[in-house]
Amino acid sequence: MKAGGKGKTPKRFLDQSAALGLAEAIADTQEQKSQKKAEKHQATQTSQTRSERAPRISASKAKLKETKALLAAKRSESKKARNKRRKNADEEGNSVASVKKRVSFG
């Protein structure tokens, strides 16, 4: 042994009641943390949900959306009309719309 030293000290193990007490203390702190998180989550849930809130679309965005819808409707109508003309031309036998013009250069 070294002079003035305490020497080798034996290991100290916790007895069963101390280990249970430590586990219980840890479990309590974890439970408190989870309770706080649950309360915060519940507090946000009690406020209005997004579906209940009024939509936050600005006037310019609403106008843009409406204009896009009108353009899409016009495009759809012109496509229907074009298809109808083609169908009528095919039924009459005047396949003018389907005849390709040949262009020569030179």
N, C-alpha and C. Protein backbone atom coordinates (compact mmCIF):
# COMPACT_ATOMS: atom_id res chain seq x y z
N MET A 1 0.83 -1.18 0.00
CA MET A 1 0.00 0.00 0.00
C MET A 1 0.86 1.24 0.00
N LYS A 2 0.26 2.31 -0.52
CA LYS A 2 0.98 3.57 -0.55
C LYS A 2 0.91 4.24 0.81
N ALA A 3 1.93 5.00 1.07
CA ALA A 3 1.95 5.69 2.35
C ALA A 3 0.94 6.84 2.31
N GLY A 4 0.11 6.91 3.33
CA GLY A 4 -0.88 7.98 3.44
C GLY A 4 -2.12 7.72 2.61
N GLY A 5 -2.18 6.65 1.80
CA GLY A 5 -3.32 6.34 0.97
C GLY A 5 -4.34 5.52 1.71
N LYS A 6 -5.54 5.52 1.20
CA LYS A 6 -6.59 4.76 1.86
C LYS A 6 -6.55 3.30 1.46
N GLY A 7 -5.92 3.05 0.33
CA GLY A 7 -5.90 1.67 -0.11
C GLY A 7 -7.10 1.39 -1.01
N LYS A 8 -7.30 0.14 -1.32
CA LYS A 8 -8.39 -0.24 -2.20
C LYS A 8 -9.70 -0.23 -1.43
N THR A 9 -10.69 0.49 -2.00
CA THR A 9 -11.99 0.54 -1.32
C THR A 9 -12.94 -0.44 -2.00
N PRO A 10 -13.73 -1.11 -1.23
CA PRO A 10 -14.65 -2.07 -1.83
C PRO A 10 -15.77 -1.36 -2.60
N LYS A 11 -16.31 -2.02 -3.61
CA LYS A 11 -17.41 -1.46 -4.40
C LYS A 11 -18.67 -1.41 -3.55
N ARG A 12 -19.44 -0.36 -3.76
CA ARG A 12 -20.69 -0.22 -3.02
C ARG A 12 -21.85 -0.38 -3.99
N PHE A 13 -22.63 -1.37 -3.81
CA PHE A 13 -23.80 -1.59 -4.65
C PHE A 13 -25.03 -1.06 -3.93
N LEU A 14 -25.98 -0.54 -4.72
CA LEU A 14 -27.22 -0.06 -4.13
C LEU A 14 -28.07 -1.26 -3.73
N ASP A 15 -28.71 -1.13 -2.61
CA ASP A 15 -29.62 -2.20 -2.24
C ASP A 15 -30.91 -2.05 -3.06
N GLN A 16 -31.78 -3.00 -3.01
CA GLN A 16 -32.94 -3.02 -3.89
C GLN A 16 -33.87 -1.84 -3.66
N SER A 17 -34.07 -1.43 -2.43
CA SER A 17 -34.98 -0.31 -2.15
C SER A 17 -34.42 0.99 -2.72
N ALA A 18 -33.10 1.19 -2.64
CA ALA A 18 -32.50 2.41 -3.18
C ALA A 18 -32.62 2.43 -4.71
N ALA A 19 -32.42 1.28 -5.34
CA ALA A 19 -32.53 1.21 -6.79
C ALA A 19 -33.97 1.49 -7.23
N LEU A 20 -34.93 0.96 -6.50
CA LEU A 20 -36.33 1.22 -6.82
C LEU A 20 -36.67 2.70 -6.63
N GLY A 21 -36.13 3.29 -5.58
CA GLY A 21 -36.36 4.71 -5.33
C GLY A 21 -35.81 5.57 -6.45
N LEU A 22 -34.62 5.23 -6.93
CA LEU A 22 -34.01 5.96 -8.04
C LEU A 22 -34.84 5.80 -9.32
N ALA A 23 -35.28 4.61 -9.61
CA ALA A 23 -36.11 4.37 -10.79
C ALA A 23 -37.42 5.14 -10.70
N GLU A 24 -37.98 5.19 -9.51
CA GLU A 24 -39.25 5.91 -9.32
C GLU A 24 -39.05 7.41 -9.54
N ALA A 25 -37.93 7.95 -9.04
CA ALA A 25 -37.65 9.37 -9.22
C ALA A 25 -37.48 9.71 -10.70
N ILE A 26 -36.78 8.85 -11.42
CA ILE A 26 -36.58 9.07 -12.85
C ILE A 26 -37.92 9.00 -13.58
N ALA A 27 -38.73 8.03 -13.23
CA ALA A 27 -40.04 7.88 -13.87
C ALA A 27 -40.92 9.10 -13.61
N ASP A 28 -40.86 9.64 -12.39
CA ASP A 28 -41.67 10.83 -12.06
C ASP A 28 -41.25 12.02 -12.92
N THR A 29 -39.95 12.24 -13.07
CA THR A 29 -39.50 13.38 -13.88
C THR A 29 -39.91 13.21 -15.34
N GLN A 30 -39.81 11.99 -15.86
CA GLN A 30 -40.23 11.74 -17.23
C GLN A 30 -41.74 11.96 -17.39
N GLU A 31 -42.49 11.54 -16.41
CA GLU A 31 -43.94 11.71 -16.44
C GLU A 31 -44.31 13.19 -16.44
N GLN A 32 -43.61 13.99 -15.63
CA GLN A 32 -43.87 15.43 -15.60
C GLN A 32 -43.57 16.07 -16.95
N LYS A 33 -42.47 15.66 -17.57
CA LYS A 33 -42.12 16.21 -18.88
C LYS A 33 -43.20 15.89 -19.91
N SER A 34 -43.65 14.64 -19.90
CA SER A 34 -44.66 14.25 -20.88
C SER A 34 -45.99 14.94 -20.60
N GLN A 35 -46.31 15.17 -19.33
CA GLN A 35 -47.55 15.89 -18.99
C GLN A 35 -47.50 17.33 -19.52
N LYS A 36 -46.33 17.98 -19.38
CA LYS A 36 -46.19 19.36 -19.88
C LYS A 36 -46.37 19.40 -21.39
N LYS A 37 -45.76 18.43 -22.07
CA LYS A 37 -45.90 18.38 -23.53
C LYS A 37 -47.36 18.16 -23.92
N ALA A 38 -48.04 17.26 -23.21
CA ALA A 38 -49.44 16.97 -23.52
C ALA A 38 -50.31 18.21 -23.28
N GLU A 39 -50.04 18.95 -22.21
CA GLU A 39 -50.82 20.15 -21.92
C GLU A 39 -50.61 21.21 -23.00
N LYS A 40 -49.36 21.36 -23.45
CA LYS A 40 -49.09 22.33 -24.52
C LYS A 40 -49.83 21.93 -25.79
N HIS A 41 -49.80 20.64 -26.10
CA HIS A 41 -50.47 20.15 -27.30
C HIS A 41 -51.99 20.35 -27.19
N GLN A 42 -52.52 20.11 -26.00
CA GLN A 42 -53.96 20.28 -25.80
C GLN A 42 -54.35 21.75 -25.90
N ALA A 43 -53.48 22.64 -25.43
CA ALA A 43 -53.78 24.07 -25.49
C ALA A 43 -53.87 24.54 -26.93
N THR A 44 -53.02 24.03 -27.80
CA THR A 44 -53.09 24.43 -29.20
C THR A 44 -54.29 23.79 -29.88
N GLN A 45 -54.71 22.62 -29.42
CA GLN A 45 -55.87 21.95 -30.01
C GLN A 45 -57.16 22.68 -29.68
N THR A 46 -57.23 23.30 -28.51
CA THR A 46 -58.47 23.97 -28.12
C THR A 46 -58.70 25.23 -28.92
N SER A 47 -57.62 25.85 -29.45
CA SER A 47 -57.83 27.01 -30.30
C SER A 47 -58.43 26.54 -31.62
N GLN A 48 -58.87 27.47 -32.43
CA GLN A 48 -59.55 27.11 -33.67
C GLN A 48 -58.63 26.30 -34.58
N THR A 49 -59.22 25.34 -35.23
CA THR A 49 -58.46 24.58 -36.22
C THR A 49 -58.41 25.36 -37.52
N ARG A 50 -57.56 24.96 -38.43
CA ARG A 50 -57.39 25.70 -39.68
C ARG A 50 -58.65 25.70 -40.52
N SER A 51 -59.40 24.61 -40.49
CA SER A 51 -60.61 24.54 -41.31
C SER A 51 -61.68 25.51 -40.81
N GLU A 52 -61.68 25.80 -39.51
CA GLU A 52 -62.68 26.71 -38.96
C GLU A 52 -62.31 28.17 -39.19
N ARG A 53 -61.03 28.44 -39.36
CA ARG A 53 -60.59 29.81 -39.56
C ARG A 53 -60.99 30.30 -40.94
N ALA A 54 -61.11 31.61 -41.05
CA ALA A 54 -61.40 32.20 -42.35
C ALA A 54 -60.15 32.08 -43.22
N PRO A 55 -60.31 31.77 -44.49
CA PRO A 55 -59.12 31.66 -45.35
C PRO A 55 -58.40 33.00 -45.47
N ARG A 56 -57.09 32.93 -45.52
CA ARG A 56 -56.28 34.15 -45.53
C ARG A 56 -55.84 34.52 -46.94
N ILE A 57 -56.68 34.31 -47.93
CA ILE A 57 -56.31 34.62 -49.30
C ILE A 57 -56.50 36.11 -49.53
N SER A 58 -55.46 36.76 -50.02
CA SER A 58 -55.55 38.19 -50.27
C SER A 58 -56.41 38.43 -51.52
N ALA A 59 -56.82 39.66 -51.69
CA ALA A 59 -57.69 40.00 -52.81
C ALA A 59 -56.99 39.77 -54.14
N SER A 60 -55.70 40.09 -54.21
CA SER A 60 -54.97 39.92 -55.46
C SER A 60 -54.84 38.44 -55.82
N LYS A 61 -54.61 37.60 -54.82
CA LYS A 61 -54.51 36.16 -55.10
C LYS A 61 -55.86 35.59 -55.51
N ALA A 62 -56.92 36.08 -54.90
CA ALA A 62 -58.26 35.61 -55.26
C ALA A 62 -58.58 36.01 -56.70
N LYS A 63 -58.21 37.23 -57.07
CA LYS A 63 -58.46 37.71 -58.43
C LYS A 63 -57.64 36.90 -59.43
N LEU A 64 -56.40 36.61 -59.08
CA LEU A 64 -55.53 35.80 -59.94
C LEU A 64 -56.12 34.41 -60.15
N LYS A 65 -56.61 33.83 -59.07
CA LYS A 65 -57.20 32.49 -59.15
C LYS A 65 -58.45 32.51 -60.04
N GLU A 66 -59.26 33.55 -59.90
CA GLU A 66 -60.46 33.68 -60.70
C GLU A 66 -60.12 33.86 -62.18
N THR A 67 -59.09 34.67 -62.46
CA THR A 67 -58.66 34.89 -63.84
C THR A 67 -58.15 33.60 -64.46
N LYS A 68 -57.38 32.84 -63.70
CA LYS A 68 -56.88 31.56 -64.20
C LYS A 68 -58.03 30.60 -64.51
N ALA A 69 -59.03 30.60 -63.67
CA ALA A 69 -60.19 29.74 -63.89
C ALA A 69 -60.92 30.15 -65.18
N LEU A 70 -61.06 31.47 -65.39
CA LEU A 70 -61.71 31.95 -66.62
C LEU A 70 -60.91 31.55 -67.85
N LEU A 71 -59.60 31.69 -67.80
CA LEU A 71 -58.76 31.32 -68.94
C LEU A 71 -58.86 29.82 -69.23
N ALA A 72 -58.88 29.02 -68.18
CA ALA A 72 -59.01 27.58 -68.36
C ALA A 72 -60.35 27.23 -68.98
N ALA A 73 -61.41 27.93 -68.57
CA ALA A 73 -62.73 27.68 -69.14
C ALA A 73 -62.76 28.06 -70.61
N LYS A 74 -62.15 29.20 -70.96
CA LYS A 74 -62.10 29.63 -72.36
C LYS A 74 -61.32 28.63 -73.20
N ARG A 75 -60.20 28.16 -72.67
CA ARG A 75 -59.38 27.19 -73.37
C ARG A 75 -60.17 25.91 -73.62
N SER A 76 -60.91 25.50 -72.61
CA SER A 76 -61.72 24.29 -72.74
C SER A 76 -62.80 24.46 -73.80
N GLU A 77 -63.45 25.61 -73.79
CA GLU A 77 -64.51 25.87 -74.77
C GLU A 77 -63.94 25.90 -76.18
N SER A 78 -62.80 26.54 -76.37
CA SER A 78 -62.22 26.62 -77.72
C SER A 78 -61.79 25.23 -78.19
N LYS A 79 -61.31 24.41 -77.29
CA LYS A 79 -60.92 23.05 -77.64
C LYS A 79 -62.14 22.24 -78.06
N LYS A 80 -63.24 22.40 -77.33
CA LYS A 80 -64.48 21.69 -77.69
C LYS A 80 -64.97 22.14 -79.06
N ALA A 81 -64.92 23.44 -79.30
CA ALA A 81 -65.37 23.98 -80.58
C ALA A 81 -64.49 23.46 -81.72
N ARG A 82 -63.19 23.43 -81.52
CA ARG A 82 -62.26 22.93 -82.52
C ARG A 82 -62.54 21.46 -82.85
N ASN A 83 -62.75 20.67 -81.80
CA ASN A 83 -63.05 19.26 -82.00
C ASN A 83 -64.38 19.07 -82.74
N LYS A 84 -65.33 19.92 -82.42
CA LYS A 84 -66.63 19.84 -83.06
C LYS A 84 -66.51 20.17 -84.55
N ARG A 85 -65.73 21.20 -84.90
CA ARG A 85 -65.51 21.56 -86.30
C ARG A 85 -64.83 20.42 -87.06
N ARG A 86 -63.83 19.81 -86.43
CA ARG A 86 -63.13 18.70 -87.06
C ARG A 86 -64.08 17.53 -87.31
N LYS A 87 -64.92 17.25 -86.32
CA LYS A 87 -65.87 16.15 -86.45
C LYS A 87 -66.86 16.42 -87.57
N ASN A 88 -67.37 17.65 -87.64
CA ASN A 88 -68.30 18.02 -88.70
C ASN A 88 -67.64 17.94 -90.07
N ALA A 89 -66.40 18.38 -90.15
CA ALA A 89 -65.68 18.34 -91.42
C ALA A 89 -65.46 16.90 -91.86
N ASP A 90 -65.16 16.01 -90.95
CA ASP A 90 -64.96 14.60 -91.30
C ASP A 90 -66.27 13.95 -91.74
N GLU A 91 -67.36 14.33 -91.10
CA GLU A 91 -68.67 13.76 -91.46
C GLU A 91 -69.11 14.22 -92.85
N GLU A 92 -68.79 15.46 -93.22
CA GLU A 92 -69.19 16.00 -94.52
C GLU A 92 -68.28 15.48 -95.63
N GLY A 93 -67.14 14.98 -95.26
CA GLY A 93 -66.20 14.49 -96.26
C GLY A 93 -65.21 15.54 -96.68
N ASN A 94 -65.36 16.75 -96.17
CA ASN A 94 -64.41 17.81 -96.46
C ASN A 94 -63.31 17.77 -95.43
N SER A 95 -62.33 17.00 -95.69
CA SER A 95 -61.25 16.89 -94.71
C SER A 95 -60.23 17.99 -94.94
N VAL A 96 -60.73 19.21 -95.03
CA VAL A 96 -59.88 20.37 -95.26
C VAL A 96 -58.96 20.59 -94.06
N ALA A 97 -59.50 20.35 -92.91
CA ALA A 97 -58.72 20.59 -91.70
C ALA A 97 -57.57 19.61 -91.58
N SER A 98 -57.74 18.40 -92.18
CA SER A 98 -56.72 17.39 -92.02
C SER A 98 -55.69 17.39 -93.15
N VAL A 99 -55.94 18.19 -94.23
CA VAL A 99 -55.00 18.25 -95.35
C VAL A 99 -53.83 19.12 -94.94
N LYS A 100 -52.62 18.59 -95.18
CA LYS A 100 -51.42 19.34 -94.85
C LYS A 100 -50.94 20.05 -96.10
N LYS A 101 -50.54 21.27 -95.95
CA LYS A 101 -50.01 22.03 -97.07
C LYS A 101 -48.52 21.72 -97.20
N ARG A 102 -48.07 21.55 -98.42
CA ARG A 102 -46.66 21.29 -98.66
C ARG A 102 -45.99 22.60 -99.03
N VAL A 103 -44.85 22.80 -98.42
CA VAL A 103 -44.12 24.04 -98.67
C VAL A 103 -42.77 23.66 -99.24
N SER A 104 -42.39 24.33 -100.31
CA SER A 104 -41.06 24.08 -100.89
C SER A 104 -40.22 25.32 -100.75
N PHE A 105 -38.99 25.12 -100.43
CA PHE A 105 -38.05 26.23 -100.28
C PHE A 105 -37.11 26.20 -101.47
N GLY A 106 -37.05 27.29 -102.19
CA GLY A 106 -36.02 27.37 -103.22
C GLY A 106 -36.52 27.47 -104.54
